[in-house]
Protein backbone atom coordinates (compact mmCIF):
# COMPACT_ATOMS: atom_id res chain seq x y z
CA MET A 1 -2.08 -1.96 -14.87
CA THR A 2 -3.84 -3.81 -12.37
CA ALA A 3 -7.27 -2.58 -11.04
CA SER A 4 -7.58 -1.96 -7.54
CA TYR A 5 -9.40 0.29 -5.13
CA LEU A 6 -8.82 2.01 -1.81
CA VAL A 7 -11.62 3.85 0.59
CA GLU A 8 -10.07 4.89 3.89
CA LEU A 9 -11.02 7.58 6.43
CA LYS A 10 -8.83 10.20 7.23
CA ASP A 11 -8.79 13.48 9.61
CA TRP A 12 -10.22 15.67 7.10
CA GLY A 13 -12.73 13.01 5.85
CA LEU A 14 -12.87 10.38 3.21
CA HIS A 15 -10.36 9.37 0.61
CA VAL A 16 -11.45 7.23 -2.56
CA ARG A 17 -9.08 6.01 -5.03
CA LEU A 18 -10.10 3.97 -8.09
CA GLN A 19 -7.69 2.42 -10.28
CA GLY A 20 -7.65 0.75 -13.78
CA THR A 21 -10.76 -1.40 -15.24
CA LEU A 22 -12.97 -2.38 -11.83
CA SER A 23 -15.50 -4.82 -12.17
CA LEU A 24 -19.25 -4.44 -11.37
CA GLU A 25 -18.46 -6.82 -8.31
CA GLN A 26 -15.43 -4.42 -7.25
CA ARG A 27 -17.75 -1.48 -8.16
CA ASP A 28 -20.65 -2.63 -5.51
CA THR A 29 -17.88 -3.24 -2.80
CA ILE A 30 -16.35 0.02 -3.05
CA ALA A 31 -20.18 1.66 -3.12
CA ARG A 32 -21.01 -0.38 0.23
CA GLN A 33 -17.57 0.83 1.78
CA VAL A 34 -18.41 4.42 1.16
CA GLU A 35 -21.74 4.04 2.46
CA MET A 36 -20.33 2.73 5.80
CA GLN A 37 -17.60 5.50 6.30
CA CYS A 38 -20.10 8.26 5.06
CA ALA A 39 -22.31 6.94 8.18
CA THR A 40 -18.87 6.62 10.39
CA LEU A 41 -18.22 10.53 9.30
CA GLY A 42 -21.95 11.58 10.12
CA ALA A 43 -21.66 10.23 13.62
CA ARG A 44 -18.76 12.55 14.24
CA GLY A 45 -21.26 15.48 14.01
CA THR A 46 -18.54 17.53 12.20
CA SER A 47 -18.33 18.79 8.83
CA TRP A 48 -15.86 16.73 6.68
CA SER A 49 -14.38 16.71 2.99
CA SER A 50 -13.54 13.84 0.45
CA LEU A 51 -11.08 13.50 -2.06
CA VAL A 52 -11.84 11.05 -4.95
CA GLU A 53 -9.38 9.82 -7.25
CA PHE A 54 -10.06 7.94 -10.99
CA ASP A 55 -6.67 6.77 -12.19
CA ARG A 56 -7.08 5.60 -15.85
CA PHE A 57 -10.41 4.45 -14.48
CA GLU A 58 -12.69 2.09 -16.46
CA ALA A 59 -16.27 0.52 -15.34
CA GLU A 60 -16.37 -3.03 -16.64
CA ASP A 61 -20.08 -3.84 -17.75
CA GLY A 62 -20.88 0.15 -18.04
CA PHE A 63 -20.91 2.83 -15.51
CA ARG A 64 -24.07 3.32 -13.44
CA PRO A 65 -24.48 7.14 -12.68
CA GLU A 66 -27.52 6.06 -10.49
CA ILE A 67 -25.27 4.50 -7.65
CA VAL A 68 -22.81 7.67 -7.64
CA VAL A 69 -25.69 10.16 -7.52
CA ALA A 70 -26.88 8.20 -4.55
CA LEU A 71 -23.42 7.97 -2.83
CA MET A 72 -23.16 11.69 -3.50
CA LYS A 73 -26.39 12.75 -1.69
CA LEU A 74 -26.02 10.30 1.11
CA ALA A 75 -22.23 11.93 1.63
CA ARG A 76 -24.00 15.51 1.60
CA ARG A 77 -26.69 14.26 4.44
CA CYS A 78 -23.81 12.92 6.46
CA GLY A 79 -22.06 16.11 6.39
CA GLN A 80 -19.78 16.32 3.75
CA VAL A 81 -19.01 20.05 2.84
CA ARG A 82 -16.39 19.71 0.01
CA CYS A 83 -15.45 17.03 -2.90
CA ALA A 84 -12.59 17.15 -5.07
CA VAL A 85 -12.68 14.46 -7.71
CA VAL A 86 -9.45 14.12 -9.34
CA MET A 87 -9.23 12.50 -12.82
CA THR A 88 -6.98 11.76 -15.54
CA ASP A 89 -9.40 11.23 -18.54
CA TRP A 90 -11.64 14.13 -19.71
CA HIS A 91 -14.35 11.69 -20.86
CA TRP A 92 -15.24 10.23 -17.36
CA ALA A 93 -14.72 14.26 -16.23
CA SER A 94 -17.69 14.96 -18.42
CA ALA A 95 -19.52 12.06 -17.14
CA MET A 96 -19.02 12.87 -13.65
CA ALA A 97 -19.87 16.55 -14.14
CA GLU A 98 -23.45 15.09 -15.42
CA VAL A 99 -23.55 13.08 -12.17
CA MET A 100 -22.57 15.69 -9.92
CA ILE A 101 -25.40 18.09 -11.65
CA ALA A 102 -27.93 15.26 -11.23
CA ALA A 103 -27.15 14.79 -7.61
CA GLY A 104 -27.44 18.43 -6.94
CA ILE A 105 -23.75 18.60 -5.39
CA ASP A 106 -22.29 20.76 -8.22
CA ASP A 107 -22.14 23.90 -5.32
CA GLN A 108 -19.80 21.63 -2.92
CA ALA A 109 -17.82 19.25 -5.55
CA ARG A 110 -14.92 20.26 -8.11
CA ILE A 111 -13.48 18.18 -10.55
CA PHE A 112 -9.42 18.59 -11.40
CA VAL A 113 -8.42 16.97 -14.49
CA LEU A 114 -4.69 16.53 -14.36
CA ALA A 115 -2.39 16.65 -17.61
CA LYS A 116 -0.39 13.86 -18.53
CA GLY A 117 3.35 14.49 -17.16
CA PRO A 118 5.88 13.08 -15.18
CA THR A 119 3.82 10.68 -13.15
CA VAL A 120 4.71 7.14 -12.06
CA GLU A 121 4.25 5.22 -14.98
CA GLY A 122 1.81 7.62 -16.42
CA SER A 123 -0.80 7.11 -13.33
CA LEU A 124 -1.61 9.47 -10.61
CA ALA A 125 0.67 7.46 -8.02
CA GLY A 126 1.48 4.23 -9.21
CA GLU A 127 -0.06 1.00 -8.17
CA ILE A 128 -2.22 1.32 -4.84
CA GLU A 129 -1.19 -2.02 -3.83
CA GLY A 130 2.13 -2.66 -2.81
CA ARG A 131 2.72 1.06 -2.08
CA PRO A 132 2.46 2.80 1.64
CA THR A 133 -0.68 5.17 1.77
CA ALA A 134 0.34 8.78 1.85
CA ASP A 135 -0.82 10.82 4.78
CA HIS A 136 -1.52 13.44 2.55
CA PRO A 137 -2.21 12.99 -1.02
CA ALA A 138 -0.72 16.59 -2.39
CA ASP A 139 2.64 14.49 -2.23
CA TYR A 140 1.49 13.35 -5.67
CA PRO A 141 2.39 15.31 -8.65
CA GLY A 142 -0.29 17.72 -9.71
CA MET A 143 -2.93 17.06 -6.65
CA ASP A 144 -1.66 20.25 -5.00
CA SER A 145 -4.71 22.44 -5.89
CA ALA A 146 -7.27 19.77 -5.20
CA MET A 147 -5.89 18.78 -2.02
CA ALA A 148 -5.76 22.45 -0.86
CA TRP A 149 -9.32 22.91 -1.99
CA VAL A 150 -10.30 19.79 0.04
CA LEU A 151 -8.83 20.76 3.16
CA ASN A 152 -9.43 24.98 2.94
CA GLY A 153 -11.99 25.56 0.37
CA GLY A 154 -11.37 28.75 -1.71
CA ALA A 155 -11.82 30.10 -4.90
CA VAL A 156 -11.69 27.26 -7.71
CA PRO A 157 -13.55 27.18 -11.17
CA MET A 158 -16.42 25.01 -11.21
CA VAL A 159 -17.71 22.83 -13.72
CA SER A 160 -20.59 24.83 -15.57
CA ARG A 161 -23.77 23.38 -16.70
CA ALA A 162 -22.63 24.72 -19.99
CA ALA A 163 -19.68 22.64 -20.21
């Protein structure tokens, strides 16, 4: 699998997808793009949601939770009301839960860990590059509950501090 990423604005908010082993330089580029998109969404003056997908994600040169905490706090200041984080790995889900708690946004974010299943080549939706971007990520297997929560909110089990 090649490393790839996507940061795009949708009518409902921000869609971020990280796939494969991303270098420090790639992750810095992603962080800058997320900052710019948060500012754009904040300028709208309306509430928005985000969907962040981690597909077989690995952080080359180490994971930097302080960057993720800063981005989560920025998103909240810019009007984000909900953030669904969809992952395929329990290790990273645990790391993200700690980051959400540190950022103080565990009241507005949910982690969805997808079980291994009949997905394209074992990933969430196949390679990003070379495929058209879907207008509705729930078209991908296993994304229904995450996307429904992004768009509508509702009662979904939350990551607890005891987990």
